[in-house]
C-alpha atoms as a PDB file:
ATOM      1  CA  MET A   1      -8.447 -10.174   4.433  1.00  0.00           C
ATOM      2  CA  ASN A   2      -7.620 -12.122   7.568  1.00  0.00           C
ATOM      3  CA  SER A   3      -3.980 -12.464   6.542  1.00  0.00           C
ATOM      4  CA  MET A   4      -3.768  -8.687   6.030  1.00  0.00           C
ATOM      5  CA  PHE A   5      -5.173  -8.099   9.515  1.00  0.00           C
ATOM      6  CA  PHE A   6      -2.616 -10.557  10.900  1.00  0.00           C
ATOM      7  CA  LEU A   7       0.171  -8.244   9.743  1.00  0.00           C
ATOM      8  CA  HIS A   8      -1.192  -5.489  12.005  1.00  0.00           C
ATOM      9  CA  ARG A   9      -1.679  -7.624  15.111  1.00  0.00           C
ATOM     10  CA  ILE A  10       0.934  -5.613  17.071  1.00  0.00           C
ATOM     11  CA  LYS A  11      -0.954  -2.371  16.398  1.00  0.00           C
ATOM     12  CA  TRP A  12      -4.229  -3.985  17.457  1.00  0.00           C
ATOM     13  CA  LEU A  13      -2.723  -5.513  20.594  1.00  0.00           C
ATOM     14  CA  GLY A  14      -1.107  -2.202  21.542  1.00  0.00           C
ATOM     15  CA  LEU A  15      -4.421  -0.360  21.217  1.00  0.00           C
ATOM     16  CA  LEU A  16      -6.219  -2.901  23.406  1.00  0.00           C
ATOM     17  CA  LEU A  17      -3.430  -2.735  26.006  1.00  0.00           C
ATOM     18  CA  LEU A  18      -3.724   1.069  26.145  1.00  0.00           C
ATOM     19  CA  ALA A  19      -7.479   0.811  26.614  1.00  0.00           C
ATOM     20  CA  ASN A  20      -6.978  -1.750  29.399  1.00  0.00           C
ATOM     21  CA  ALA A  21      -4.330   0.451  31.039  1.00  0.00           C
ATOM     22  CA  GLY A  22      -6.801   3.330  31.091  1.00  0.00           C
ATOM     23  CA  LEU A  23      -9.400   1.106  32.740  1.00  0.00           C
ATOM     24  CA  MET A  24      -6.916  -0.091  35.388  1.00  0.00           C
ATOM     25  CA  LEU A  25      -5.809   3.482  36.068  1.00  0.00           C
ATOM     26  CA  TYR A  26      -9.363   4.686  36.665  1.00  0.00           C
ATOM     27  CA  LEU A  27     -10.225   1.715  38.868  1.00  0.00           C
ATOM     28  CA  SER A  28      -7.064   2.109  40.952  1.00  0.00           C
ATOM     29  CA  LEU A  29      -7.622   5.809  41.640  1.00  0.00           C
ATOM     30  CA  GLY A  30     -11.397   6.105  41.760  1.00  0.00           C
ATOM     31  CA  GLU A  31     -14.547   4.373  42.935  1.00  0.00           C
ATOM     32  CA  LEU A  32     -17.382   2.822  40.959  1.00  0.00           C
ATOM     33  CA  LYS A  33     -20.452   5.029  40.783  1.00  0.00           C
ATOM     34  CA  PRO A  34     -23.777   3.611  41.982  1.00  0.00           C
ATOM     35  CA  VAL A  35     -25.936   2.296  39.176  1.00  0.00           C
ATOM     36  CA  SER A  36     -28.654   4.721  40.231  1.00  0.00           C
ATOM     37  CA  ILE A  37     -26.638   7.747  39.057  1.00  0.00           C
ATOM     38  CA  TRP A  38     -25.395   6.269  35.798  1.00  0.00           C
ATOM     39  CA  ALA A  39     -26.185   8.565  32.859  1.00  0.00           C
ATOM     40  CA  TRP A  40     -27.495   6.020  30.410  1.00  0.00           C
ATOM     41  CA  THR A  41     -27.785   8.497  27.559  1.00  0.00           C
ATOM     42  CA  ASP A  42     -24.113   9.434  27.848  1.00  0.00           C
ATOM     43  CA  ILE A  43     -23.076   5.818  28.311  1.00  0.00           C
ATOM     44  CA  THR A  44     -24.975   4.727  25.219  1.00  0.00           C
ATOM     45  CA  GLY A  45     -23.743   7.589  23.054  1.00  0.00           C
ATOM     46  CA  GLU A  46     -20.085   7.555  24.116  1.00  0.00           C
ATOM     47  CA  GLY A  47     -19.815   3.767  24.451  1.00  0.00           C
ATOM     48  CA  SER A  48     -21.397   2.982  21.102  1.00  0.00           C
ATOM     49  CA  SER A  49     -19.233   5.642  19.420  1.00  0.00           C
ATOM     50  CA  ALA A  50     -16.108   4.051  20.912  1.00  0.00           C
ATOM     51  CA  LEU A  51     -17.184   0.602  19.671  1.00  0.00           C
ATOM     52  CA  LEU A  52     -17.917   1.945  16.190  1.00  0.00           C
ATOM     53  CA  VAL A  53     -14.500   3.599  15.948  1.00  0.00           C
ATOM     54  CA  LEU A  54     -12.920   0.326  17.111  1.00  0.00           C
ATOM     55  CA  ALA A  55     -14.827  -1.506  14.368  1.00  0.00           C
ATOM     56  CA  TRP A  56     -13.668   1.060  11.771  1.00  0.00           C
ATOM     57  CA  THR A  57     -10.091   0.473  12.916  1.00  0.00           C
ATOM     58  CA  ALA A  58     -10.422  -3.299  12.529  1.00  0.00           C
ATOM     59  CA  LEU A  59     -11.948  -2.978   9.045  1.00  0.00           C
ATOM     60  CA  MET A  60      -9.233  -0.564   7.951  1.00  0.00           C
ATOM     61  CA  LEU A  61      -6.464  -2.879   9.160  1.00  0.00           C
ATOM     62  CA  LYS A  62      -8.088  -5.846   7.409  1.00  0.00           C
ATOM     63  CA  GLY A  63      -8.043  -4.050   4.077  1.00  0.00           C
ATOM     64  CA  ARG A  64      -4.681  -2.287   3.926  1.00  0.00           C
ATOM     65  CA  PRO A  65      -1.007  -3.324   3.773  1.00  0.00           C
ATOM     66  CA  ALA A  66       1.514  -1.908   6.217  1.00  0.00           C
ATOM     67  CA  GLY A  67       2.862   1.529   5.392  1.00  0.00           C
ATOM     68  CA  ARG A  68       2.832   5.251   6.185  1.00  0.00           C
ATOM     69  CA  VAL A  69      -0.774   5.872   5.143  1.00  0.00           C
ATOM     70  CA  THR A  70      -2.021   2.899   7.159  1.00  0.00           C
ATOM     71  CA  ASN A  71      -0.095   4.128  10.201  1.00  0.00           C
ATOM     72  CA  LEU A  72      -1.644   7.602   9.900  1.00  0.00           C
ATOM     73  CA  LEU A  73      -5.142   6.151   9.662  1.00  0.00           C
ATOM     74  CA  PHE A  74      -4.533   3.780  12.552  1.00  0.00           C
ATOM     75  CA  VAL A  75      -3.084   6.370  14.943  1.00  0.00           C
ATOM     76  CA  GLY A  76      -5.865   8.808  14.086  1.00  0.00           C
ATOM     77  CA  LEU A  77      -8.593   6.244  14.752  1.00  0.00           C
ATOM     78  CA  ALA A  78      -6.779   5.034  17.870  1.00  0.00           C
ATOM     79  CA  CYS A  79      -6.773   8.567  19.297  1.00  0.00           C
ATOM     80  CA  LEU A  80     -10.508   8.917  18.641  1.00  0.00           C
ATOM     81  CA  PHE A  81     -11.210   5.550  20.250  1.00  0.00           C
ATOM     82  CA  LEU A  82      -9.097   6.252  23.351  1.00  0.00           C
ATOM     83  CA  SER A  83     -10.716   9.642  23.848  1.00  0.00           C
ATOM     84  CA  LEU A  84     -14.219   8.136  23.628  1.00  0.00           C
ATOM     85  CA  TRP A  85     -13.162   5.173  25.778  1.00  0.00           C
ATOM     86  CA  MET A  86     -11.841   7.373  28.588  1.00  0.00           C
ATOM     87  CA  ASP A  87     -14.972   9.508  28.369  1.00  0.00           C
ATOM     88  CA  THR A  88     -17.080   6.363  28.740  1.00  0.00           C
ATOM     89  CA  LEU A  89     -15.084   5.183  31.764  1.00  0.00           C
ATOM     90  CA  ASP A  90     -15.774   8.522  33.425  1.00  0.00           C
ATOM     91  CA  GLU A  91     -19.469   7.584  33.461  1.00  0.00           C
ATOM     92  CA  PHE A  92     -18.740   4.509  35.599  1.00  0.00           C
ATOM     93  CA  VAL A  93     -15.848   5.603  37.817  1.00  0.00           C
ATOM     94  CA  ALA A  94     -15.749   8.655  40.099  1.00  0.00           C
ATOM     95  CA  LEU A  95     -12.229  10.053  40.436  1.00  0.00           C
ATOM     96  CA  PRO A  96     -11.107  12.261  43.358  1.00  0.00           C
ATOM     97  CA  GLU A  97     -11.673  15.969  42.853  1.00  0.00           C
ATOM     98  CA  ALA A  98      -7.927  16.556  43.058  1.00  0.00           C
ATOM     99  CA  VAL A  99      -7.420  14.555  39.852  1.00  0.00           C
ATOM    100  CA  MET A 100      -7.452  16.969  36.934  1.00  0.00           C
ATOM    101  CA  TRP A 101      -5.592  15.082  34.219  1.00  0.00           C
ATOM    102  CA  ASP A 102      -8.603  12.913  33.387  1.00  0.00           C
ATOM    103  CA  HIS A 103     -10.067  15.812  31.368  1.00  0.00           C
ATOM    104  CA  TRP A 104      -6.918  15.820  29.234  1.00  0.00           C
ATOM    105  CA  LEU A 105      -7.186  12.071  28.626  1.00  0.00           C
ATOM    106  CA  GLU A 106     -10.799  12.503  27.541  1.00  0.00           C
ATOM    107  CA  SER A 107     -10.341  15.580  25.347  1.00  0.00           C
ATOM    108  CA  ALA A 108      -6.753  15.914  24.101  1.00  0.00           C
ATOM    109  CA  PRO A 109      -6.557  12.775  21.879  1.00  0.00           C
ATOM    110  CA  MET A 110      -9.700  13.762  19.966  1.00  0.00           C
ATOM    111  CA  PRO A 111      -8.369  16.760  17.933  1.00  0.00           C
ATOM    112  CA  VAL A 112      -5.030  15.008  17.388  1.00  0.00           C
ATOM    113  CA  GLY A 113      -6.897  11.984  16.058  1.00  0.00           C
ATOM    114  CA  PHE A 114      -8.999  14.075  13.683  1.00  0.00           C
ATOM    115  CA  VAL A 115      -5.893  15.813  12.277  1.00  0.00           C
ATOM    116  CA  LEU A 116      -4.011  12.540  11.718  1.00  0.00           C
ATOM    117  CA  LEU A 117      -7.108  10.866  10.292  1.00  0.00           C
ATOM    118  CA  THR A 118      -7.640  13.761   7.875  1.00  0.00           C
ATOM    119  CA  VAL A 119      -4.039  13.575   6.650  1.00  0.00           C
ATOM    120  CA  GLY A 120      -4.306   9.795   6.282  1.00  0.00           C
ATOM    121  CA  ILE A 121      -7.597   9.999   4.351  1.00  0.00           C
ATOM    122  CA  TYR A 122      -6.081  12.633   2.051  1.00  0.00           C
ATOM    123  CA  HIS A 123      -3.164  10.373   1.132  1.00  0.00           C
ATOM    124  CA  TRP A 124      -5.503   7.369   0.857  1.00  0.00           C
ATOM    125  CA  HIS A 125      -7.620   9.425  -1.555  1.00  0.00           C
ATOM    126  CA  ARG A 126      -4.551  10.213  -3.675  1.00  0.00           C
ATOM    127  CA  GLU A 127      -3.625   6.521  -3.754  1.00  0.00           C
ATOM    128  CA  GLN A 128      -7.112   5.568  -4.909  1.00  0.00           C
ATOM    129  CA  LEU A 129      -7.198   8.250  -7.606  1.00  0.00           C
ATOM    130  CA  ALA A 130      -3.923   6.916  -9.030  1.00  0.00           C
ATOM    131  CA  ILE A 131      -5.187   3.339  -9.007  1.00  0.00           C
ATOM    132  CA  ASN A 132      -8.567   4.314 -10.472  1.00  0.00           C
ATOM    133  CA  ALA A 133      -6.927   6.238 -13.310  1.00  0.00           C
ATOM    134  CA  GLN A 134      -4.881   3.198 -14.226  1.00  0.00           C
ATOM    135  CA  MET A 135      -7.859   0.876 -13.889  1.00  0.00           C
ATOM    136  CA  VAL A 136      -9.852   2.989 -16.351  1.00  0.00           C
ATOM    137  CA  ASN A 137      -7.146   2.446 -18.936  1.00  0.00           C
ATOM    138  CA  ARG A 138      -6.797  -1.236 -18.085  1.00  0.00           C
ATOM    139  CA  GLU A 139     -10.548  -1.875 -18.304  1.00  0.00           C
ATOM    140  CA  ARG A 140     -10.810  -0.170 -21.686  1.00  0.00           C
ATOM    141  CA  HIS A 141      -7.896  -2.190 -23.012  1.00  0.00           C
ATOM    142  CA  PHE A 142      -9.366  -5.415 -21.623  1.00  0.00           C
ATOM    143  CA  ARG A 143     -12.740  -4.802 -23.266  1.00  0.00           C
ATOM    144  CA  GLU A 144     -11.081  -4.086 -26.602  1.00  0.00           C
ATOM    145  CA  HIS A 145      -8.415  -6.757 -26.669  1.00  0.00           C
ATOM    146  CA  ARG A 146      -9.190  -9.322 -23.968  1.00  0.00           C
ATOM    147  CA  GLN A 147      -5.479  -9.790 -23.382  1.00  0.00           C
ATOM    148  CA  PHE A 148      -4.836  -9.629 -19.664  1.00  0.00           C
ATOM    149  CA  ASP A 149      -2.954 -11.401 -16.930  1.00  0.00           C
ATOM    150  CA  LYS A 150      -4.900 -13.810 -14.709  1.00  0.00           C
ATOM    151  CA  LEU A 151      -3.159 -12.889 -11.450  1.00  0.00           C
ATOM    152  CA  THR A 152      -2.850  -9.106 -11.697  1.00  0.00           C
ATOM    153  CA  PRO A 153      -5.119  -6.467 -13.293  1.00  0.00           C
ATOM    154  CA  LEU A 154      -2.547  -5.905 -16.036  1.00  0.00           C
ATOM    155  CA  ALA A 155      -2.351  -6.541 -19.743  1.00  0.00           C
ATOM    156  CA  ASP A 156      -0.090  -9.384 -20.806  1.00  0.00           C
ATOM    157  CA  ALA A 157       2.951  -9.653 -23.078  1.00  0.00           C
ATOM    158  CA  GLY A 158       0.793 -10.108 -26.164  1.00  0.00           C
ATOM    159  CA  TYR A 159      -0.987  -6.838 -25.530  1.00  0.00           C
ATOM    160  CA  LEU A 160       2.337  -5.060 -24.962  1.00  0.00           C
ATOM    161  CA  ARG A 161       3.512  -6.189 -28.399  1.00  0.00           C
ATOM    162  CA  SER A 162       0.303  -4.968 -30.031  1.00  0.00           C
ATOM    163  CA  GLN A 163       0.614  -1.573 -28.353  1.00  0.00           C
ATOM    164  CA  LEU A 164       4.284  -1.280 -29.306  1.00  0.00           C
ATOM    165  CA  ALA A 165       3.286  -1.979 -32.914  1.00  0.00           C
ATOM    166  CA  LEU A 166       1.007   1.069 -32.722  1.00  0.00           C
ATOM    167  CA  ALA A 167       3.181   3.311 -30.550  1.00  0.00           C
ATOM    168  CA  LEU A 168       6.492   2.955 -32.409  1.00  0.00           C
ATOM    169  CA  PRO A 169       5.294   4.312 -35.803  1.00  0.00           C
ATOM    170  CA  GLN A 170       3.286   7.009 -34.049  1.00  0.00           C
ATOM    171  CA  ALA A 171       6.300   8.133 -32.013  1.00  0.00           C
ATOM    172  CA  GLU A 172       8.494   8.179 -35.126  1.00  0.00           C
ATOM    173  CA  SER A 173       6.011  10.156 -37.211  1.00  0.00           C
ATOM    174  CA  SER A 174       5.395  12.707 -34.449  1.00  0.00           C
ATOM    175  CA  GLN A 175       9.099  12.795 -33.517  1.00  0.00           C
ATOM    176  CA  GLN A 176       8.256  12.114 -29.882  1.00  0.00           C
ATOM    177  CA  PRO A 177      10.493   9.970 -27.660  1.00  0.00           C
ATOM    178  CA  LEU A 178       9.253   6.560 -26.536  1.00  0.00           C
ATOM    179  CA  SER A 179      10.927   4.523 -23.800  1.00  0.00           C
ATOM    180  CA  LEU A 180      10.454   1.036 -22.435  1.00  0.00           C
ATOM    181  CA  LEU A 181      11.226  -0.080 -18.890  1.00  0.00           C
ATOM    182  CA  THR A 182      11.657  -3.704 -17.912  1.00  0.00           C
ATOM    183  CA  ILE A 183      11.273  -4.561 -14.215  1.00  0.00           C
ATOM    184  CA  ASP A 184      12.520  -7.904 -12.903  1.00  0.00           C
ATOM    185  CA  LEU A 185      12.307  -8.889  -9.230  1.00  0.00           C
ATOM    186  CA  ASP A 186      15.661 -10.254  -8.082  1.00  0.00           C
ATOM    187  CA  ASP A 187      15.726 -13.831  -6.729  1.00  0.00           C
ATOM    188  CA  PHE A 188      11.953 -13.919  -6.495  1.00  0.00           C
ATOM    189  CA  HIS A 189      12.016 -17.709  -6.663  1.00  0.00           C
ATOM    190  CA  GLN A 190      13.294 -17.622  -3.074  1.00  0.00           C
ATOM    191  CA  VAL A 191      10.000 -16.045  -1.964  1.00  0.00           C
ATOM    192  CA  ASN A 192       8.046 -18.906  -3.540  1.00  0.00           C
ATOM    193  CA  GLU A 193      10.400 -21.511  -2.100  1.00  0.00           C
ATOM    194  CA  ARG A 194      10.345 -20.085   1.430  1.00  0.00           C
ATOM    195  CA  TYR A 195       6.738 -18.895   1.765  1.00  0.00           C
ATOM    196  CA  GLY A 196       4.862 -20.828  -0.935  1.00  0.00           C
ATOM    197  CA  HIS A 197       3.394 -19.833  -4.294  1.00  0.00           C
ATOM    198  CA  GLN A 198       0.225 -18.395  -2.747  1.00  0.00           C
ATOM    199  CA  GLU A 199       2.306 -15.944  -0.740  1.00  0.00           C
ATOM    200  CA  GLY A 200       4.401 -15.222  -3.832  1.00  0.00           C
ATOM    201  CA  ASP A 201       1.249 -14.377  -5.778  1.00  0.00           C
ATOM    202  CA  ARG A 202       0.168 -12.000  -3.015  1.00  0.00           C
ATOM    203  CA  VAL A 203       3.562 -10.261  -3.124  1.00  0.00           C
ATOM    204  CA  LEU A 204       3.284  -9.853  -6.908  1.00  0.00           C
ATOM    205  CA  GLN A 205      -0.134  -8.252  -6.451  1.00  0.00           C
ATOM    206  CA  LEU A 206       1.300  -5.797  -3.903  1.00  0.00           C
ATOM    207  CA  VAL A 207       4.155  -4.920  -6.272  1.00  0.00           C
ATOM    208  CA  CYS A 208       1.585  -4.431  -9.035  1.00  0.00           C
ATOM    209  CA  GLN A 209      -0.372  -1.955  -6.878  1.00  0.00           C
ATOM    210  CA  LEU A 210       2.834  -0.085  -6.049  1.00  0.00           C
ATOM    211  CA  LEU A 211       3.763   0.193  -9.728  1.00  0.00           C
ATOM    212  CA  LEU A 212       0.287   1.359 -10.721  1.00  0.00           C
ATOM    213  CA  MET A 213       0.469   4.222  -8.227  1.00  0.00           C
ATOM    214  CA  SER A 214       3.773   5.334  -9.787  1.00  0.00           C
ATOM    215  CA  LEU A 215       2.441   5.774 -13.319  1.00  0.00           C
ATOM    216  CA  ARG A 216       1.170   8.664 -15.333  1.00  0.00           C
ATOM    217  CA  ARG A 217      -2.235   8.420 -16.979  1.00  0.00           C
ATOM    218  CA  HIS A 218      -0.876   7.606 -20.452  1.00  0.00           C
ATOM    219  CA  ASP A 219       1.734   5.031 -19.339  1.00  0.00           C
ATOM    220  CA  LEU A 220       1.112   1.338 -19.869  1.00  0.00           C
ATOM    221  CA  LEU A 221       2.136  -1.367 -17.394  1.00  0.00           C
ATOM    222  CA  CYS A 222       2.086  -5.017 -18.451  1.00  0.00           C
ATOM    223  CA  ARG A 223       3.109  -8.258 -16.811  1.00  0.00           C
ATOM    224  CA  LEU A 224       5.390 -10.141 -19.169  1.00  0.00           C
ATOM    225  CA  ALA A 225       5.741 -13.393 -17.242  1.00  0.00           C
ATOM    226  CA  GLY A 226       6.417 -14.539 -13.705  1.00  0.00           C
ATOM    227  CA  ASP A 227       8.088 -11.715 -11.797  1.00  0.00           C
ATOM    228  CA  ARG A 228       8.871  -9.552 -14.826  1.00  0.00           C
ATOM    229  CA  PHE A 229       6.925  -6.429 -15.799  1.00  0.00           C
ATOM    230  CA  ALA A 230       7.201  -3.959 -18.663  1.00  0.00           C
ATOM    231  CA  LEU A 231       6.360  -0.267 -18.574  1.00  0.00           C
ATOM    232  CA  LEU A 232       5.765   1.669 -21.797  1.00  0.00           C
ATOM    233  CA  LEU A 233       6.522   5.386 -21.385  1.00  0.00           C
ATOM    234  CA  PRO A 234       5.306   7.675 -24.210  1.00  0.00           C
ATOM    235  CA  ASN A 235       6.913  11.125 -24.569  1.00  0.00           C
ATOM    236  CA  THR A 236       9.799  10.076 -22.334  1.00  0.00           C
ATOM    237  CA  LEU A 237      13.491  10.511 -23.096  1.00  0.00           C
ATOM    238  CA  GLU A 238      15.972   7.839 -22.061  1.00  0.00           C
ATOM    239  CA  GLU A 239      17.425   9.979 -19.279  1.00  0.00           C
ATOM    240  CA  GLN A 240      13.940  10.551 -17.854  1.00  0.00           C
ATOM    241  CA  ALA A 241      13.190   6.838 -18.159  1.00  0.00           C
ATOM    242  CA  GLN A 242      16.374   5.979 -16.258  1.00  0.00           C
ATOM    243  CA  THR A 243      15.320   8.342 -13.475  1.00  0.00           C
ATOM    244  CA  ILE A 244      11.944   6.621 -13.309  1.00  0.00           C
ATOM    245  CA  ALA A 245      13.726   3.260 -13.272  1.00  0.00           C
ATOM    246  CA  ARG A 246      15.796   4.271 -10.247  1.00  0.00           C
ATOM    247  CA  GLU A 247      12.704   5.564  -8.447  1.00  0.00           C
ATOM    248  CA  ILE A 248      10.800   2.318  -9.093  1.00  0.00           C
ATOM    249  CA  SER A 249      13.748   0.232  -7.902  1.00  0.00           C
ATOM    250  CA  ALA A 250      13.932   2.270  -4.682  1.00  0.00           C
ATOM    251  CA  SER A 251      10.158   2.035  -4.146  1.00  0.00           C
ATOM    252  CA  ILE A 252      10.195  -1.750  -4.432  1.00  0.00           C
ATOM    253  CA  ALA A 253      13.172  -1.998  -2.055  1.00  0.00           C
ATOM    254  CA  HIS A 254      11.259   0.043   0.544  1.00  0.00           C
ATOM    255  CA  LEU A 255       7.930  -1.748   0.092  1.00  0.00           C
ATOM    256  CA  ALA A 256       6.594  -2.711   3.559  1.00  0.00           C
ATOM    257  CA  CYS A 257       5.734  -6.295   2.650  1.00  0.00           C
ATOM    258  CA  ARG A 258       5.397  -8.914   5.378  1.00  0.00           C
ATOM    259  CA  SER A 259       4.561 -12.595   5.221  1.00  0.00           C
ATOM    260  CA  ALA A 260       0.988 -13.534   6.082  1.00  0.00           C
ATOM    261  CA  GLN A 261       1.953 -16.426   8.370  1.00  0.00           C
ATOM    262  CA  GLN A 262       4.838 -15.122  10.479  1.00  0.00           C
ATOM    263  CA  GLY A 263       4.625 -11.401   9.781  1.00  0.00           C
ATOM    264  CA  GLU A 264       8.333 -11.213   8.963  1.00  0.00           C
ATOM    265  CA  ARG A 265       9.628  -8.651   6.477  1.00  0.00           C
ATOM    266  CA  ILE A 266       9.965  -9.954   2.925  1.00  0.00           C
ATOM    267  CA  LEU A 267      12.912  -8.129   1.419  1.00  0.00           C
ATOM    268  CA  LEU A 268      12.436  -7.315  -2.252  1.00  0.00           C
ATOM    269  CA  ARG A 269      14.906  -5.987  -4.783  1.00  0.00           C
ATOM    270  CA  ALA A 270      14.333  -5.264  -8.457  1.00  0.00           C
ATOM    271  CA  THR A 271      16.520  -4.791 -11.490  1.00  0.00           C
ATOM    272  CA  VAL A 272      15.017  -2.086 -13.690  1.00  0.00           C
ATOM    273  CA  VAL A 273      16.434  -1.201 -17.123  1.00  0.00           C
ATOM    274  CA  ALA A 274      15.358   1.510 -19.547  1.00  0.00           C
ATOM    275  CA  VAL A 275      15.792   1.692 -23.310  1.00  0.00           C
ATOM    276  CA  MET A 276      14.526   4.334 -25.710  1.00  0.00           C
ATOM    277  CA  ALA A 277      13.194   3.486 -29.155  1.00  0.00           C
ATOM    278  CA  ARG A 278      15.646   4.398 -31.940  1.00  0.00           C
ATOM    279  CA  GLN A 279      14.135   3.458 -35.309  1.00  0.00           C
ATOM    280  CA  ASP A 280      13.179   0.091 -33.807  1.00  0.00           C
ATOM    281  CA  ASP A 281      10.464  -2.308 -34.689  1.00  0.00           C
ATOM    282  CA  VAL A 282       8.744  -4.318 -31.945  1.00  0.00           C
ATOM    283  CA  ASP A 283      11.163  -7.234 -32.022  1.00  0.00           C
ATOM    284  CA  SER A 284      14.327  -5.152 -32.049  1.00  0.00           C
ATOM    285  CA  LEU A 285      13.169  -2.939 -29.172  1.00  0.00           C
ATOM    286  CA  LEU A 286      12.221  -5.945 -27.038  1.00  0.00           C
ATOM    287  CA  GLN A 287      15.504  -7.619 -27.952  1.00  0.00           C
ATOM    288  CA  ARG A 288      17.486  -4.554 -26.832  1.00  0.00           C
ATOM    289  CA  SER A 289      15.485  -4.449 -23.603  1.00  0.00           C
ATOM    290  CA  ASN A 290      16.134  -8.136 -22.920  1.00  0.00           C
ATOM    291  CA  LEU A 291      19.837  -7.672 -23.648  1.00  0.00           C
ATOM    292  CA  ALA A 292      20.025  -4.702 -21.279  1.00  0.00           C
ATOM    293  CA  MET A 293      18.332  -6.774 -18.586  1.00  0.00           C
ATOM    294  CA  ALA A 294      20.751  -9.673 -19.132  1.00  0.00           C
ATOM    295  CA  HIS A 295      23.735  -7.319 -18.777  1.00  0.00           C
ATOM    296  CA  ALA A 296      22.254  -5.776 -15.617  1.00  0.00           C
ATOM    297  CA  LYS A 297      21.650  -9.206 -14.093  1.00  0.00           C
ATOM    298  CA  GLN A 298      25.188 -10.279 -14.978  1.00  0.00           C
ATOM    299  CA  ALA A 299      26.594  -7.150 -13.332  1.00  0.00           C
ATOM    300  CA  LEU A 300      24.521  -7.913 -10.240  1.00  0.00           C
ATOM    301  CA  GLN A 301      25.924 -11.438 -10.039  1.00  0.00           C
ATOM    302  CA  LEU A 302      29.492 -10.150 -10.395  1.00  0.00           C
ATOM    303  CA  LYS A 303      28.857  -7.604  -7.652  1.00  0.00           C
ATOM    304  CA  ARG A 304      27.659 -10.340  -5.291  1.00  0.00           C
ATOM    305  CA  ALA A 305      30.561 -12.674  -6.080  1.00  0.00           C
END
């Protein structure tokens, strides 16, 4: 949790600097009110609300990776906090009557914050629904087969083989297409070498979450080994699977992943290949997938040379 919060330290520092700037602005233009006229009810209500919103912001940043949804939630909460903060300062500092903009500082950020927060919560809700749907499938599979990866909440290569053994005859008998995607992170060993295996494990978990949010309810994602994943796509033609492969590759390339220690961007790339079952058994389908991956990796090396 602390490492996740470290990634957002610039957001947190910026919010505190804005709050301090508001305090300095009020003190430079106004005068402190006598304690005798302080409205303690307003101070308690507005001040405690501001502190609670600040605490919500800290908890949210501690629990989420960087990205668009996190930014929406942060800016929305920041607007609420700043509005309540400026309203609290007004209880301590008397500004000249000619100053009118203080009402805007106290009121305007509030509705903007609520709108942004609502949009952020909506997208957060959609993320969680996607993850929950996948977790329901994963948990059922785990209870039945007890074949799962120790690092990620995914089934392992053994479970993929068992499911292929069931899915291939079923797809052939029902004349429904069945495709298999293999996802391999390019040069992932460099992440482990530069940042350490603990950081590499964290990156794999983030990639796992990203992949889970990209799946349909009946798809199956497994971790084969190391930085390689497999995605079983029922009722999916090869052309559709190739489209999904391109989308997954682009999503991984744009993943906002930063190192826990320095906060620098960890650039990720993935080679994703798709093959469709064509009167295959488990071994032949996996062999074709491995061969397609080897050719893709070879083409990547030639492109770099």
